Protein backbone atom coordinates (compact mmCIF):
# COMPACT_ATOMS: atom_id res chain seq x y z
CA MET A 1 -1.01 16.83 30.98
CA ASP A 2 1.80 17.97 33.24
CA ASP A 3 0.80 21.62 32.76
CA CYS A 4 -2.86 20.87 33.49
CA LEU A 5 -2.13 18.95 36.68
CA THR A 6 0.35 21.56 37.88
CA LYS A 7 -1.77 24.64 37.15
CA TYR A 8 -5.31 23.53 37.84
CA LEU A 9 -5.03 21.04 40.70
CA PRO A 10 -4.92 22.84 44.07
CA ASP A 11 -2.07 21.90 46.40
CA GLU A 12 -4.48 20.86 49.15
CA ARG A 13 -6.11 18.33 46.78
CA LYS A 14 -2.97 16.76 45.31
CA SER A 15 -2.83 13.89 47.82
CA ASP A 16 -6.29 12.43 47.19
CA ALA A 17 -7.50 14.06 43.98
CA TRP A 18 -9.81 12.45 41.45
CA ILE A 19 -9.03 12.98 37.75
CA LEU A 20 -11.65 12.13 35.12
CA ASP A 21 -11.25 11.64 31.38
CA PRO A 22 -14.74 11.25 29.85
CA PHE A 23 -13.28 10.40 26.41
CA ALA A 24 -10.37 8.32 27.62
CA GLY A 25 -9.23 6.82 24.33
CA VAL A 26 -6.26 4.56 25.01
CA GLY A 27 -5.59 6.14 28.40
CA THR A 28 -2.94 8.84 27.97
CA THR A 29 -4.54 11.20 30.49
CA LEU A 30 -5.27 8.41 32.95
CA VAL A 31 -1.76 6.95 32.93
CA GLU A 32 -0.06 10.31 33.42
CA ALA A 33 -2.31 11.25 36.33
CA TYR A 34 -2.08 7.76 37.84
CA ALA A 35 1.73 7.76 37.64
CA ARG A 36 1.68 10.98 39.67
CA GLY A 37 -0.38 9.33 42.40
CA HIS A 38 -3.86 10.59 41.55
CA ASN A 39 -7.05 8.53 41.50
CA VAL A 40 -8.34 8.25 37.94
CA ILE A 41 -11.59 7.36 36.19
CA GLY A 42 -12.04 6.95 32.46
CA PHE A 43 -15.04 6.45 30.20
CA GLU A 44 -14.47 5.18 26.68
CA ILE A 45 -17.27 3.90 24.47
CA ASN A 46 -15.00 2.06 22.01
CA PRO A 47 -14.26 -1.35 23.57
CA TYR A 48 -10.86 -1.71 21.91
CA ALA A 49 -9.64 1.67 23.16
CA ALA A 50 -11.12 0.98 26.60
CA LEU A 51 -9.22 -2.33 26.72
CA ALA A 52 -5.98 -0.51 25.89
CA ALA A 53 -6.54 1.99 28.71
CA LYS A 54 -7.30 -0.83 31.12
CA VAL A 55 -4.17 -2.74 30.10
CA LYS A 56 -1.97 0.29 30.76
CA LEU A 57 -3.41 0.93 34.20
CA GLN A 58 -3.31 -2.68 35.36
CA ALA A 59 0.29 -3.01 34.14
CA ASN A 60 1.46 -1.96 37.58
CA SER A 61 0.34 -5.31 38.98
CA VAL A 62 1.77 -7.59 36.26
CA PRO A 63 5.11 -9.24 37.17
CA PRO A 64 7.62 -8.29 34.45
CA LYS A 65 9.29 -11.70 34.59
CA ALA A 66 5.98 -13.42 33.90
CA LEU A 67 5.34 -11.24 30.85
CA ALA A 68 8.90 -11.77 29.60
CA ALA A 69 8.45 -15.54 29.93
CA HIS A 70 5.28 -15.43 27.84
CA ILE A 71 6.99 -13.29 25.19
CA ASN A 72 9.75 -15.91 24.93
CA GLY A 73 7.14 -18.65 24.90
CA PHE A 74 5.34 -16.94 22.04
CA GLY A 75 8.53 -16.86 19.97
CA THR A 76 9.11 -20.55 20.57
CA PHE A 77 5.47 -21.37 19.74
CA MET A 78 5.56 -19.46 16.45
CA LEU A 79 8.87 -21.02 15.43
CA ARG A 80 7.48 -24.50 16.09
CA HIS A 81 4.10 -23.99 14.43
CA SER A 82 4.53 -21.47 11.66
CA THR A 83 6.43 -23.65 9.20
CA ASN A 84 4.07 -24.66 6.41
CA GLY A 85 5.24 -28.25 6.52
CA SER A 86 4.72 -28.59 10.28
CA ARG A 87 2.11 -31.10 11.41
CA ASN A 88 1.06 -28.51 13.99
CA GLY A 89 0.92 -25.70 11.44
CA LYS A 90 -2.85 -25.44 10.96
CA PRO A 91 -4.34 -22.73 13.20
CA ARG A 92 -7.29 -23.51 15.45
CA SER A 93 -8.47 -19.89 15.34
CA THR A 94 -10.52 -18.70 12.38
CA PRO A 95 -11.03 -15.29 10.76
CA PRO A 96 -13.94 -13.30 12.21
CA GLU A 97 -17.29 -13.80 10.52
CA GLY A 98 -18.88 -10.79 8.84
CA PHE A 99 -15.62 -8.87 8.55
CA SER A 100 -14.92 -7.82 4.98
CA GLY A 101 -13.51 -5.01 2.90
CA ARG A 102 -12.75 -4.00 -0.65
CA THR A 103 -9.76 -6.31 -0.66
CA GLU A 104 -8.52 -9.14 1.55
CA PHE A 105 -7.32 -7.74 4.85
CA PHE A 106 -4.39 -10.15 5.22
CA SER A 107 -2.64 -12.10 2.51
CA PRO A 108 -3.00 -15.89 3.01
CA LYS A 109 0.53 -16.28 4.44
CA VAL A 110 0.10 -13.40 6.89
CA GLU A 111 -3.40 -14.48 7.89
CA ARG A 112 -2.16 -17.94 8.81
CA LYS A 113 0.52 -16.47 11.07
CA MET A 114 -1.93 -14.05 12.68
CA LEU A 115 -4.31 -16.92 13.42
CA LEU A 116 -1.47 -18.90 14.97
CA ALA A 117 -0.65 -15.86 17.12
CA LEU A 118 -4.26 -15.81 18.28
CA ASP A 119 -3.98 -19.50 19.14
CA TYR A 120 -1.15 -18.68 21.53
CA ILE A 121 -2.85 -15.57 22.94
CA ASN A 122 -6.16 -17.32 23.60
CA ASN A 123 -4.34 -20.05 25.52
CA ILE A 124 -2.66 -17.65 27.99
CA GLY A 125 -4.13 -18.43 31.39
CA VAL A 126 -3.39 -15.09 33.10
CA PRO A 127 -6.07 -12.56 32.02
CA SER A 128 -3.88 -9.46 32.50
CA ILE A 129 -1.06 -10.92 30.38
CA ARG A 130 -3.52 -12.18 27.79
CA ASP A 131 -4.92 -8.66 27.49
CA ILE A 132 -1.41 -7.24 26.99
CA PHE A 133 -0.92 -9.67 24.10
CA ARG A 134 -4.32 -8.78 22.65
CA ILE A 135 -3.51 -5.06 22.63
CA ALA A 136 -0.08 -5.74 21.09
CA PHE A 137 -1.79 -7.85 18.41
CA GLY A 138 -4.30 -5.08 17.70
CA SER A 139 -1.65 -2.37 17.56
CA VAL A 140 0.49 -4.09 14.89
CA MET A 141 -2.13 -5.90 12.79
CA VAL A 142 -2.69 -3.10 10.27
CA SER A 143 1.08 -2.75 9.70
CA VAL A 144 1.24 -6.32 8.27
CA SER A 145 -2.07 -6.09 6.40
CA ASN A 146 -3.11 -4.89 2.97
CA TYR A 147 -4.49 -1.72 4.58
CA SER A 148 -2.85 1.44 5.90
CA TYR A 149 -3.67 4.55 7.94
CA GLU A 150 -3.55 7.60 5.64
CA PRO A 151 -4.63 8.81 8.25
CA SER A 152 -7.94 6.95 8.08
CA LEU A 153 -7.97 3.23 7.36
CA THR A 154 -7.75 2.58 3.63
CA ARG A 155 -6.38 0.00 1.19
CA ARG A 156 -2.65 0.16 0.54
CA SER A 157 -3.36 0.00 -3.18
CA ALA A 158 -5.48 3.16 -2.90
CA VAL A 159 -2.41 5.14 -1.75
CA ASP A 160 0.07 3.56 -4.19
CA LYS A 161 1.52 1.07 -1.74
CA LYS A 162 2.17 -2.54 -2.65
CA PRO A 163 0.16 -5.29 -0.89
CA ILE A 164 2.00 -7.23 1.81
CA SER A 165 2.25 -10.84 0.66
CA ASP A 166 4.23 -12.01 3.68
CA ALA A 167 5.54 -10.57 6.94
CA PRO A 168 7.54 -11.73 10.00
CA VAL A 169 4.51 -11.63 12.31
CA ASP A 170 6.36 -13.22 15.24
CA GLU A 171 9.15 -10.60 15.09
CA VAL A 172 6.77 -7.64 14.69
CA LEU A 173 4.55 -8.75 17.57
CA SER A 174 7.49 -9.69 19.85
CA LYS A 175 9.09 -6.28 19.25
CA LYS A 176 5.89 -4.54 20.25
CA LEU A 177 5.49 -6.73 23.34
CA ASN A 178 9.04 -5.95 24.47
CA LEU A 179 8.37 -2.20 24.11
CA MET A 180 5.24 -2.66 26.24
CA LEU A 181 7.33 -4.56 28.80
CA GLN A 182 9.72 -1.60 29.01
CA ASP A 183 6.79 0.77 29.54
CA MET A 184 5.41 -1.50 32.24
CA GLU A 185 8.75 -1.57 34.06
CA TRP A 186 8.87 2.24 33.87
CA LEU A 187 5.39 2.54 35.35
CA GLN A 188 6.24 0.18 38.21
CA THR A 189 9.40 2.15 38.96
CA GLU A 190 7.39 5.39 39.05
CA LYS A 191 4.78 3.83 41.33
CA LYS A 192 7.44 2.96 43.93
CA LYS A 193 7.75 6.69 44.56
CA ILE A 194 4.10 6.90 45.59
CA LEU A 195 3.28 6.04 49.19
CA GLN A 196 -0.48 5.57 48.84
CA PRO A 197 -1.53 3.50 45.80
CA PRO A 198 -4.18 5.44 43.87
CA GLU A 199 -7.45 3.97 42.65
CA TRP A 200 -8.37 3.57 38.98
CA LYS A 201 -11.37 2.51 36.98
CA VAL A 202 -12.06 2.34 33.25
CA TYR A 203 -15.63 2.00 32.03
CA ALA A 204 -16.22 0.73 28.48
CA ASP A 205 -19.22 2.99 28.24
CA SER A 206 -20.40 6.46 27.26
CA VAL A 207 -19.74 9.37 29.60
CA PHE A 208 -23.51 9.90 29.61
CA ALA A 209 -23.72 6.76 31.75
CA ALA A 210 -21.34 8.26 34.34
CA PRO A 211 -23.93 9.53 36.87
CA LYS A 212 -25.53 6.09 37.08
CA LYS A 213 -22.28 4.10 36.95
CA LEU A 214 -20.48 6.20 39.55
CA ASN A 215 -23.50 6.95 41.76
CA ARG A 216 -21.58 9.95 43.12
CA SER A 217 -21.57 13.67 42.55
CA ALA A 218 -19.37 16.68 43.32
CA PHE A 219 -16.17 14.66 43.83
CA VAL A 220 -14.04 15.13 40.68
CA ASP A 221 -11.23 17.68 41.02
CA LEU A 222 -10.14 17.88 37.40
CA ILE A 223 -11.54 16.78 34.05
CA ILE A 224 -8.94 16.64 31.27
CA THR A 225 -10.24 15.43 27.94
CA SER A 226 -10.56 15.84 24.21
CA PRO A 227 -13.97 14.88 22.83
CA PRO A 228 -14.62 13.97 19.20
CA TYR A 229 -14.34 17.05 17.01
CA LEU A 230 -17.14 18.40 14.83
CA ASN A 231 -15.47 16.94 11.72
CA ASN A 232 -17.31 13.64 11.16
CA TYR A 233 -14.09 11.70 11.73
CA HIS A 234 -15.26 8.10 11.89
CA TYR A 235 -13.35 6.70 14.87
CA PRO A 236 -14.96 3.21 14.80
CA ARG A 237 -13.88 2.79 11.16
CA ASN A 238 -10.22 2.95 12.15
CA THR A 239 -10.60 0.24 14.80
CA ARG A 240 -12.97 -2.05 12.91
CA PRO A 241 -10.20 -4.65 12.26
CA GLN A 242 -9.22 -4.74 15.93
CA LEU A 243 -12.83 -4.95 17.11
CA HIS A 244 -13.52 -7.95 14.90
CA TRP A 245 -10.24 -9.85 15.16
CA LEU A 246 -10.17 -9.52 18.97
CA GLY A 247 -13.77 -10.72 19.28
CA LEU A 248 -15.12 -7.36 20.43
CA ALA A 249 -17.48 -7.12 17.46
CA SER A 250 -19.23 -9.44 15.06
CA GLY A 251 -21.11 -9.04 11.81
CA PRO A 252 -21.08 -6.08 9.40
CA GLY A 253 -21.03 -2.45 10.43
CA TYR A 254 -19.85 -0.83 13.66
CA LYS A 255 -22.47 -1.86 16.19
CA ALA A 256 -19.95 -3.15 18.70
CA ALA A 257 -18.29 0.28 18.70
CA ARG A 258 -21.74 1.74 19.49
CA GLU A 259 -21.55 4.18 16.61
CA GLU A 260 -25.01 5.63 17.18
CA GLU A 261 -24.36 6.18 20.91
CA SER A 262 -21.08 8.04 20.47
CA PHE A 263 -20.69 11.71 21.36
CA GLY A 264 -21.92 13.85 18.48
CA LYS A 265 -22.83 10.77 16.44
CA PHE A 266 -21.78 10.84 12.79
CA TRP A 267 -23.21 12.65 9.79
CA GLN A 268 -24.16 9.31 8.22
CA THR A 269 -26.38 8.42 11.21
CA VAL A 270 -28.42 11.65 11.34
CA ARG A 271 -28.34 13.15 7.84
CA ASP A 272 -31.65 11.63 6.65
CA ARG A 273 -33.68 12.49 9.73
CA PRO A 274 -36.26 15.29 9.86
CA PRO A 275 -34.74 18.60 10.97
CA VAL A 276 -33.16 18.19 14.41
CA THR A 277 -33.51 21.13 16.78
CA LEU A 278 -31.33 22.37 19.63
CA CYS A 279 -32.43 21.35 23.12
CA PHE A 280 -31.27 24.72 24.54
CA ARG A 281 -31.25 28.39 23.51
CA LEU A 282 -28.13 30.01 22.12
CA PRO A 283 -29.12 32.57 19.45
CA GLU A 284 -25.73 32.87 17.72
CA LEU A 285 -25.44 29.10 17.35
CA GLU A 286 -29.03 28.95 16.10
CA ARG A 287 -28.17 31.51 13.41
CA THR A 288 -25.05 29.57 12.36
CA ILE A 289 -26.95 26.32 12.05
CA GLY A 290 -29.77 28.07 10.21
CA ALA A 291 -27.27 29.41 7.68
CA ILE A 292 -25.83 25.92 7.15
CA ARG A 293 -29.27 24.37 6.71
CA CYS A 294 -30.12 26.77 3.88
CA LEU A 295 -27.08 25.88 1.78
CA ASN A 296 -26.85 23.47 -1.18
CA GLY A 297 -30.43 22.28 -1.03
CA GLY A 298 -30.04 20.44 -4.35
CA LYS A 299 -27.49 18.06 -2.86
CA GLY A 300 -30.00 16.23 -0.66
CA HIS A 301 -28.44 14.95 2.55
CA TYR A 302 -25.02 15.98 1.19
CA GLY A 303 -26.23 19.55 1.40
CA GLY A 304 -26.93 21.86 4.30
CA SER A 305 -29.90 19.99 5.78
CA GLY A 306 -27.91 16.82 6.52
CA TRP A 307 -24.94 18.71 7.89
CA ALA A 308 -27.13 20.98 10.01
CA ASN A 309 -28.65 17.88 11.62
CA TYR A 310 -25.14 16.65 12.37
CA ALA A 311 -24.10 19.98 13.96
CA VAL A 312 -27.28 20.18 16.06
CA THR A 313 -26.80 16.62 17.30
CA TYR A 314 -23.19 17.41 18.21
CA PHE A 315 -24.11 20.50 20.25
CA ASN A 316 -27.04 18.74 21.92
CA ASP A 317 -24.53 16.14 23.11
CA THR A 318 -22.26 19.00 24.20
CA PHE A 319 -25.07 20.28 26.41
CA ARG A 320 -25.58 16.79 27.88
CA PHE A 321 -21.84 16.50 28.53
CA CYS A 322 -21.68 19.87 30.31
CA GLU A 323 -24.61 18.81 32.49
CA VAL A 324 -22.70 15.68 33.50
CA ALA A 325 -19.50 17.67 34.13
CA ALA A 326 -21.35 20.16 36.33
CA ARG A 327 -22.77 17.29 38.34
CA LEU A 328 -19.47 15.44 38.84
CA LEU A 329 -17.10 18.36 39.50
CA ARG A 330 -16.61 19.41 43.08
CA PRO A 331 -16.99 23.13 43.87
CA ALA A 332 -14.19 25.05 42.11
CA GLY A 333 -13.30 21.90 40.14
CA VAL A 334 -12.07 22.46 36.58
CA ALA A 335 -12.76 20.86 33.21
CA ILE A 336 -10.15 21.33 30.49
CA VAL A 337 -11.53 20.40 27.08
CA VAL A 338 -9.28 20.30 24.01
CA LEU A 339 -11.05 20.68 20.66
CA GLY A 340 -10.90 22.57 17.39
CA ASN A 341 -13.02 24.72 15.15
CA SER A 342 -14.74 23.25 12.08
CA ILE A 343 -15.82 24.23 8.60
CA ILE A 344 -19.23 22.95 7.47
CA GLN A 345 -20.63 23.81 4.02
CA GLY A 346 -18.00 26.56 3.85
CA ILE A 347 -19.12 28.16 7.13
CA GLU A 348 -16.70 28.28 10.07
CA VAL A 349 -18.13 26.92 13.30
CA LYS A 350 -16.13 28.04 16.35
CA THR A 351 -16.80 24.88 18.28
CA ASP A 352 -14.55 25.90 21.16
CA ASP A 353 -16.42 29.14 21.86
CA PHE A 354 -19.84 27.49 21.56
CA PHE A 355 -18.69 24.65 23.83
CA GLY A 356 -17.70 27.13 26.54
CA ARG A 357 -20.91 29.11 26.27
CA ILE A 358 -22.98 25.94 26.46
CA GLY A 359 -21.05 25.11 29.63
CA GLU A 360 -22.24 28.40 31.10
CA LEU A 361 -25.84 27.41 30.37
CA CYS A 362 -25.20 24.37 32.59
CA GLY A 363 -23.85 26.39 35.51
CA LEU A 364 -20.12 26.28 34.71
CA ARG A 365 -17.93 29.37 34.33
CA PHE A 366 -16.22 29.75 30.95
CA GLU A 367 -12.89 30.81 32.42
CA ASP A 368 -10.44 30.71 29.52
CA ASN A 369 -9.89 29.74 25.89
CA LEU A 370 -6.26 28.94 25.12
CA VAL A 371 -5.21 28.49 21.49
CA LEU A 372 -2.80 25.55 21.42
CA ARG A 373 -1.88 25.48 17.76
CA LYS A 374 -2.98 26.57 14.33
CA LYS A 375 -2.75 23.36 12.40
CA ARG A 376 -3.31 24.16 8.73
CA THR A 377 -5.59 25.96 6.34
CA GLY A 378 -8.82 24.12 5.84
CA SER A 379 -8.90 24.12 2.04
CA SER A 380 -8.89 20.33 1.75
CA ILE A 381 -11.90 20.11 4.02
CA ILE A 382 -13.95 23.08 2.92
CA GLN A 383 -13.40 22.35 -0.78
CA SER A 384 -14.66 18.77 -0.37
CA SER A 385 -17.53 18.00 -2.73
CA VAL A 386 -19.32 16.29 0.17
CA ARG A 387 -19.38 19.51 2.18
CA VAL A 388 -19.53 22.36 -0.37
CA ASP A 389 -18.68 23.05 -4.00
CA ARG A 390 -16.46 26.04 -3.43
CA ALA A 391 -15.20 27.72 -0.28
CA ALA A 392 -15.98 31.40 0.05
CA GLN A 393 -12.81 32.16 2.02
CA LYS A 394 -9.68 30.61 3.45
CA THR A 395 -10.23 29.50 7.03
CA VAL A 396 -7.52 28.40 9.45
CA LEU A 397 -8.20 25.27 11.49
CA TYR A 398 -6.89 25.50 15.02
CA GLU A 399 -6.99 23.62 18.32
CA SER A 400 -7.67 25.20 21.67
CA ALA A 401 -8.24 24.27 25.28
CA ILE A 402 -11.29 25.73 26.95
CA VAL A 403 -11.33 25.96 30.74
CA LEU A 404 -14.63 25.52 32.57
CA ARG A 405 -14.87 25.91 36.32
CA ASN A 406 -17.67 24.73 38.58
């Protein structure tokens, strides 16, 4: 972030620049730019991640003493109510309806404590402090559950870890809250160095809604972002517990995370459709997708046809994104997009290069492609039975930053 802001933001724009992250996640880009005095805008379709970004940016206006008092109050509340024999020990909150898994998410003892924590959180009268508690709750809940990130959300028993029968929920949550308090105090100290308070806005929406939501064009100086990769990583799956337990979702599935509206969608949402076609012309990409579509026909939607639909949908959304970027960037404004290559049905797809060339179709200049790191060989992905029976060659997965200029 520091390198991007230093290298690509002109000196004459540093005082009133606008920085946009179209895939804001939990707000890393936004906070760094905001702390340096820049106006920031973020779009994030996942409501839990959007809430986290909002909490970080509004932390500048929360009095630290008020948050500290609520943290102490939470400890007292849990001590008074969490004893099984206490008359006040029965939680008023209830587990979310429609949320289920292959095993119970919390053990009975942990669930009772988590529900008591929600009782306290829901009774906090200051919305900004309540949101801080909600994000702290969401960030630690998996660590005291019978699930684990490996790196995707899975049962502890599936990765040879013992279930958690009990946990000191009050201590775990209080520790997290105190770390957040320290971060908040740091942010407020940094902000004292800035003469003109910058503006910020986080939209819990898709970047494709940006032109309508912002009702402005040609005003963004710098876009710094990392969109979903072409790897079918199911982001809503990893936040399903938080979405449900914080009341951001209800019922089965991932509708509250707007799975079918997300950038690139997911293989599961497009695999059974009739052949999807590109909405633009790029012969090399057309040949790559054609090669994928012809593979493993006997596997049904697990074969090339389903994965070709997924790749086409991803690059169609890439085209839509580049159109939005071209509309929002001011003349000479820059978009820095971090992403990686992919392997589909044993065929390497150089997503970074295609992304840049699609940007050129939308009027942007593909200025640079900077390899950031070579992560690992892709044998575990390209050997997957879901994608292909046997990889034809070893392919290195890497991450790069493409630079597009208006």
